């Protein structure tokens, strides 16, 4: 049995989910979340830096 037919058979199998399928799903979820945070990294860093600078300036102006 070649790889292609094994992959097709894997996706056509309608039995209950196995541990392997749960692990594959979790791995895909982690990969998707990592991709989202990686693409938003620059904006998140700038936003946090601006917020911290604003808080620091308000903190020093009240003292």
PDB file of N, CA and C in Angstrom:
ATOM      1  N   UNK A   1       0.854  -1.184   0.000  1.00  0.00           N
ATOM      2  CA  UNK A   1       0.000   0.000   0.000  1.00  0.00           C
ATOM      3  C   UNK A   1       0.899   1.246   0.000  1.00  0.00           C
ATOM      4  N   UNK A   2       0.674   2.152  -0.922  1.00  0.00           N
ATOM      5  CA  UNK A   2       1.515   3.340  -0.997  1.00  0.00           C
ATOM      6  C   UNK A   2       1.016   4.433  -0.049  1.00  0.00           C
ATOM      7  N   UNK A   3       1.813   5.444   0.096  1.00  0.00           N
ATOM      8  CA  UNK A   3       1.540   6.531   1.044  1.00  0.00           C
ATOM      9  C   UNK A   3       0.243   7.262   0.697  1.00  0.00           C
ATOM     10  N   UNK A   4       0.044   7.544  -0.589  1.00  0.00           N
ATOM     11  CA  UNK A   4      -1.148   8.299  -0.997  1.00  0.00           C
ATOM     12  C   UNK A   4      -2.426   7.561  -0.611  1.00  0.00           C
ATOM     13  N   UNK A   5      -2.478   6.270  -0.861  1.00  0.00           N
ATOM     14  CA  UNK A   5      -3.689   5.520  -0.518  1.00  0.00           C
ATOM     15  C   UNK A   5      -3.866   5.406   0.989  1.00  0.00           C
ATOM     16  N   UNK A   6      -2.760   5.378   1.747  1.00  0.00           N
ATOM     17  CA  UNK A   6      -2.863   5.369   3.206  1.00  0.00           C
ATOM     18  C   UNK A   6      -3.427   6.691   3.728  1.00  0.00           C
ATOM     19  N   UNK A   7      -2.997   7.790   3.160  1.00  0.00           N
ATOM     20  CA  UNK A   7      -3.500   9.099   3.578  1.00  0.00           C
ATOM     21  C   UNK A   7      -4.969   9.242   3.227  1.00  0.00           C
ATOM     22  N   UNK A   8      -5.344   8.830   2.029  1.00  0.00           N
ATOM     23  CA  UNK A   8      -6.745   8.883   1.613  1.00  0.00           C
ATOM     24  C   UNK A   8      -7.587   7.988   2.515  1.00  0.00           C
ATOM     25  N   UNK A   9      -7.117   6.790   2.810  1.00  0.00           N
ATOM     26  CA  UNK A   9      -7.830   5.888   3.700  1.00  0.00           C
ATOM     27  C   UNK A   9      -7.970   6.454   5.099  1.00  0.00           C
ATOM     28  N   UNK A  10      -6.938   7.157   5.560  1.00  0.00           N
ATOM     29  CA  UNK A  10      -6.966   7.792   6.881  1.00  0.00           C
ATOM     30  C   UNK A  10      -8.095   8.815   6.964  1.00  0.00           C
ATOM     31  N   UNK A  11      -8.252   9.628   5.939  1.00  0.00           N
ATOM     32  CA  UNK A  11      -9.288  10.657   5.954  1.00  0.00           C
ATOM     33  C   UNK A  11     -10.680  10.106   5.663  1.00  0.00           C
ATOM     34  N   UNK A  12     -10.759   8.945   5.020  1.00  0.00           N
ATOM     35  CA  UNK A  12     -12.059   8.361   4.731  1.00  0.00           C
ATOM     36  C   UNK A  12     -12.556   7.449   5.844  1.00  0.00           C
ATOM     37  N   UNK A  13     -11.707   7.101   6.775  1.00  0.00           N
ATOM     38  CA  UNK A  13     -12.079   6.230   7.886  1.00  0.00           C
ATOM     39  C   UNK A  13     -13.092   6.948   8.766  1.00  0.00           C
ATOM     40  N   UNK A  14     -14.232   6.344   8.978  1.00  0.00           N
ATOM     41  CA  UNK A  14     -15.305   6.986   9.736  1.00  0.00           C
ATOM     42  C   UNK A  14     -15.474   6.395  11.126  1.00  0.00           C
ATOM     43  N   UNK A  15     -14.511   5.628  11.602  1.00  0.00           N
ATOM     44  CA  UNK A  15     -14.568   5.123  12.964  1.00  0.00           C
ATOM     45  C   UNK A  15     -14.273   6.266  13.917  1.00  0.00           C
ATOM     46  N   UNK A  16     -14.456   6.005  15.192  1.00  0.00           N
ATOM     47  CA  UNK A  16     -14.218   7.047  16.195  1.00  0.00           C
ATOM     48  C   UNK A  16     -12.785   7.559  16.160  1.00  0.00           C
ATOM     49  N   UNK A  17     -12.610   8.740  16.713  1.00  0.00           N
ATOM     50  CA  UNK A  17     -11.278   9.338  16.721  1.00  0.00           C
ATOM     51  C   UNK A  17     -10.343   8.520  17.598  1.00  0.00           C
ATOM     52  N   UNK A  18      -9.133   8.382  17.135  1.00  0.00           N
ATOM     53  CA  UNK A  18      -8.109   7.696  17.912  1.00  0.00           C
ATOM     54  C   UNK A  18      -7.189   8.729  18.536  1.00  0.00           C
ATOM     55  N   UNK A  19      -6.321   8.276  19.391  1.00  0.00           N
ATOM     56  CA  UNK A  19      -5.368   9.173  20.044  1.00  0.00           C
ATOM     57  C   UNK A  19      -4.505   9.875  18.999  1.00  0.00           C
ATOM     58  N   UNK A  20      -4.137   9.169  17.958  1.00  0.00           N
ATOM     59  CA  UNK A  20      -3.300   9.760  16.909  1.00  0.00           C
ATOM     60  C   UNK A  20      -4.015  10.936  16.258  1.00  0.00           C
ATOM     61  N   UNK A  21      -5.292  10.795  16.008  1.00  0.00           N
ATOM     62  CA  UNK A  21      -6.042  11.885  15.381  1.00  0.00           C
ATOM     63  C   UNK A  21      -6.169  13.079  16.321  1.00  0.00           C
ATOM     64  N   UNK A  22      -6.351  12.819  17.615  1.00  0.00           N
ATOM     65  CA  UNK A  22      -6.388  13.923  18.581  1.00  0.00           C
ATOM     66  C   UNK A  22      -5.042  14.642  18.634  1.00  0.00           C
ATOM     67  N   UNK A  23      -3.957  13.883  18.592  1.00  0.00           N
ATOM     68  CA  UNK A  23      -2.626  14.489  18.616  1.00  0.00           C
ATOM     69  C   UNK A  23      -2.395  15.317  17.357  1.00  0.00           C
ATOM     70  N   UNK A  24      -2.812  14.805  16.204  1.00  0.00           N
ATOM     71  CA  UNK A  24      -2.669  15.565  14.957  1.00  0.00           C
ATOM     72  C   UNK A  24      -3.491  16.852  15.013  1.00  0.00           C
ATOM     73  N   UNK A  25      -4.699  16.770  15.534  1.00  0.00           N
ATOM     74  CA  UNK A  25      -5.540  17.962  15.661  1.00  0.00           C
ATOM     75  C   UNK A  25      -4.923  18.986  16.595  1.00  0.00           C
ATOM     76  N   UNK A  26      -4.390  18.516  17.711  1.00  0.00           N
ATOM     77  CA  UNK A  26      -3.740  19.433  18.657  1.00  0.00           C
ATOM     78  C   UNK A  26      -2.510  20.076  18.036  1.00  0.00           C
ATOM     79  N   UNK A  27      -1.745  19.302  17.285  1.00  0.00           N
ATOM     80  CA  UNK A  27      -0.551  19.848  16.631  1.00  0.00           C
ATOM     81  C   UNK A  27      -0.924  20.911  15.599  1.00  0.00           C
ATOM     82  N   UNK A  28      -1.988  20.665  14.847  1.00  0.00           N
ATOM     83  CA  UNK A  28      -2.450  21.671  13.873  1.00  0.00           C
ATOM     84  C   UNK A  28      -2.929  22.934  14.581  1.00  0.00           C
ATOM     85  N   UNK A  29      -3.602  22.767  15.701  1.00  0.00           N
ATOM     86  CA  UNK A  29      -4.076  23.924  16.468  1.00  0.00           C
ATOM     87  C   UNK A  29      -2.903  24.741  16.995  1.00  0.00           C
ATOM     88  N   UNK A  30      -1.902  24.079  17.531  1.00  0.00           N
ATOM     89  CA  UNK A  30      -0.707  24.777  18.026  1.00  0.00           C
ATOM     90  C   UNK A  30       0.002  25.503  16.886  1.00  0.00           C
ATOM     91  N   UNK A  31       0.094  24.863  15.732  1.00  0.00           N
ATOM     92  CA  UNK A  31       0.745  25.490  14.580  1.00  0.00           C
ATOM     93  C   UNK A  31      -0.023  26.727  14.132  1.00  0.00           C
ATOM     94  N   UNK A  32      -1.355  26.649  14.137  1.00  0.00           N
ATOM     95  CA  UNK A  32      -2.166  27.799  13.726  1.00  0.00           C
ATOM     96  C   UNK A  32      -2.031  28.945  14.721  1.00  0.00           C
ATOM     97  N   UNK A  33      -2.072  28.646  16.005  1.00  0.00           N
ATOM     98  CA  UNK A  33      -1.936  29.694  17.029  1.00  0.00           C
ATOM     99  C   UNK A  33      -0.554  30.329  16.948  1.00  0.00           C
ATOM    100  N   UNK A  34       0.472  29.518  16.737  1.00  0.00           N
ATOM    101  CA  UNK A  34       1.831  30.050  16.596  1.00  0.00           C
ATOM    102  C   UNK A  34       1.932  30.966  15.390  1.00  0.00           C
ATOM    103  N   UNK A  35       1.324  30.585  14.291  1.00  0.00           N
ATOM    104  CA  UNK A  35       1.355  31.416  13.082  1.00  0.00           C
ATOM    105  C   UNK A  35       0.655  32.749  13.319  1.00  0.00           C
ATOM    106  N   UNK A  36      -0.470  32.728  14.017  1.00  0.00           N
ATOM    107  CA  UNK A  36      -1.210  33.970  14.293  1.00  0.00           C
ATOM    108  C   UNK A  36      -0.378  34.899  15.166  1.00  0.00           C
ATOM    109  N   UNK A  37       0.174  34.370  16.266  1.00  0.00           N
ATOM    110  CA  UNK A  37       0.955  35.231  17.154  1.00  0.00           C
ATOM    111  C   UNK A  37       2.249  35.706  16.503  1.00  0.00           C
ATOM    112  N   UNK A  38       2.839  34.893  15.659  1.00  0.00           N
ATOM    113  CA  UNK A  38       4.046  35.314  14.956  1.00  0.00           C
ATOM    114  C   UNK A  38       3.734  36.456  13.989  1.00  0.00           C
ATOM    115  N   UNK A  39       2.603  36.365  13.302  1.00  0.00           N
ATOM    116  CA  UNK A  39       2.255  37.434  12.352  1.00  0.00           C
ATOM    117  C   UNK A  39       1.848  38.718  13.072  1.00  0.00           C
ATOM    118  N   UNK A  40       1.344  38.610  14.289  1.00  0.00           N
ATOM    119  CA  UNK A  40       0.931  39.791  15.041  1.00  0.00           C
ATOM    120  C   UNK A  40       2.015  40.316  15.976  1.00  0.00           C
ATOM    121  N   UNK A  41       3.160  39.667  15.988  1.00  0.00           N
ATOM    122  CA  UNK A  41       4.204  39.974  16.964  1.00  0.00           C
ATOM    123  C   UNK A  41       4.607  41.448  16.984  1.00  0.00           C
ATOM    124  N   UNK A  42       4.884  42.015  15.823  1.00  0.00           N
ATOM    125  CA  UNK A  42       5.331  43.408  15.765  1.00  0.00           C
ATOM    126  C   UNK A  42       4.299  44.363  16.321  1.00  0.00           C
ATOM    127  N   UNK A  43       3.051  44.187  15.940  1.00  0.00           N
ATOM    128  CA  UNK A  43       1.995  45.057  16.432  1.00  0.00           C
ATOM    129  C   UNK A  43       1.772  44.913  17.926  1.00  0.00           C
ATOM    130  N   UNK A  44       1.861  43.698  18.427  1.00  0.00           N
ATOM    131  CA  UNK A  44       1.685  43.475  19.864  1.00  0.00           C
ATOM    132  C   UNK A  44       2.814  44.108  20.665  1.00  0.00           C
ATOM    133  N   UNK A  45       4.039  43.971  20.179  1.00  0.00           N
ATOM    134  CA  UNK A  45       5.181  44.567  20.878  1.00  0.00           C
ATOM    135  C   UNK A  45       5.048  46.079  20.900  1.00  0.00           C
ATOM    136  N   UNK A  46       4.700  46.689  19.770  1.00  0.00           N
ATOM    137  CA  UNK A  46       4.541  48.147  19.729  1.00  0.00           C
ATOM    138  C   UNK A  46       3.421  48.612  20.649  1.00  0.00           C
ATOM    139  N   UNK A  47       2.327  47.897  20.653  1.00  0.00           N
ATOM    140  CA  UNK A  47       1.192  48.261  21.501  1.00  0.00           C
ATOM    141  C   UNK A  47       1.561  48.169  22.979  1.00  0.00           C
ATOM    142  N   UNK A  48       2.228  47.094  23.362  1.00  0.00           N
ATOM    143  CA  UNK A  48       2.640  46.955  24.766  1.00  0.00           C
ATOM    144  C   UNK A  48       3.669  48.005  25.155  1.00  0.00           C
ATOM    145  N   UNK A  49       4.607  48.300  24.270  1.00  0.00           N
ATOM    146  CA  UNK A  49       5.604  49.334  24.566  1.00  0.00           C
ATOM    147  C   UNK A  49       4.945  50.698  24.732  1.00  0.00           C
ATOM    148  N   UNK A  50       3.983  51.025  23.857  1.00  0.00           N
ATOM    149  CA  UNK A  50       3.281  52.299  23.973  1.00  0.00           C
ATOM    150  C   UNK A  50       2.478  52.374  25.263  1.00  0.00           C
ATOM    151  N   UNK A  51       1.825  51.282  25.629  1.00  0.00           N
ATOM    152  CA  UNK A  51       1.044  51.257  26.866  1.00  0.00           C
ATOM    153  C   UNK A  51       1.950  51.438  28.071  1.00  0.00           C
ATOM    154  N   UNK A  52       3.069  50.729  28.101  1.00  0.00           N
ATOM    155  CA  UNK A  52       3.999  50.859  29.230  1.00  0.00           C
ATOM    156  C   UNK A  52       4.596  52.262  29.306  1.00  0.00           C
ATOM    157  N   UNK A  53       4.928  52.848  28.175  1.00  0.00           N
ATOM    158  CA  UNK A  53       5.466  54.210  28.164  1.00  0.00           C
ATOM    159  C   UNK A  53       4.424  55.195  28.676  1.00  0.00           C
ATOM    160  N   UNK A  54       3.175  55.010  28.267  1.00  0.00           N
ATOM    161  CA  UNK A  54       2.096  55.880  28.739  1.00  0.00           C
ATOM    162  C   UNK A  54       1.894  55.741  30.245  1.00  0.00           C
ATOM    163  N   UNK A  55       1.912  54.518  30.727  1.00  0.00           N
ATOM    164  CA  UNK A  55       1.763  54.300  32.170  1.00  0.00           C
ATOM    165  C   UNK A  55       2.935  54.889  32.943  1.00  0.00           C
ATOM    166  N   UNK A  56       4.150  54.738  32.411  1.00  0.00           N
ATOM    167  CA  UNK A  56       5.323  55.307  33.079  1.00  0.00           C
ATOM    168  C   UNK A  56       5.267  56.824  33.110  1.00  0.00           C
ATOM    169  N   UNK A  57       4.818  57.433  32.022  1.00  0.00           N
ATOM    170  CA  UNK A  57       4.749  58.896  31.988  1.00  0.00           C
ATOM    171  C   UNK A  57       3.683  59.408  32.945  1.00  0.00           C
ATOM    172  N   UNK A  58       2.561  58.716  33.062  1.00  0.00           N
ATOM    173  CA  UNK A  58       1.515  59.129  34.006  1.00  0.00           C
ATOM    174  C   UNK A  58       1.972  58.903  35.446  1.00  0.00           C
ATOM    175  N   UNK A  59       2.737  57.846  35.669  1.00  0.00           N
ATOM    176  CA  UNK A  59       3.231  57.544  37.009  1.00  0.00           C
ATOM    177  C   UNK A  59       4.245  58.580  37.462  1.00  0.00           C
ATOM    178  N   UNK A  60       5.133  59.020  36.577  1.00  0.00           N
ATOM    179  CA  UNK A  60       6.144  59.996  36.949  1.00  0.00           C
ATOM    180  C   UNK A  60       5.562  61.396  37.055  1.00  0.00           C
ATOM    181  N   UNK A  61       4.487  61.684  36.329  1.00  0.00           N
ATOM    182  CA  UNK A  61       3.881  63.030  36.404  1.00  0.00           C
ATOM    183  C   UNK A  61       3.044  63.204  37.660  1.00  0.00           C
ATOM    184  N   UNK A  62       2.600  62.132  38.294  1.00  0.00           N
ATOM    185  CA  UNK A  62       1.801  62.241  39.521  1.00  0.00           C
ATOM    186  C   UNK A  62       2.660  62.265  40.759  1.00  0.00           C
ATOM    187  N   UNK A  63       3.947  61.950  40.637  1.00  0.00           N
ATOM    188  CA  UNK A  63       4.845  61.957  41.812  1.00  0.00           C
ATOM    189  C   UNK A  63       5.434  63.295  42.042  1.00  0.00           C
TER     190      UNK A  63
END
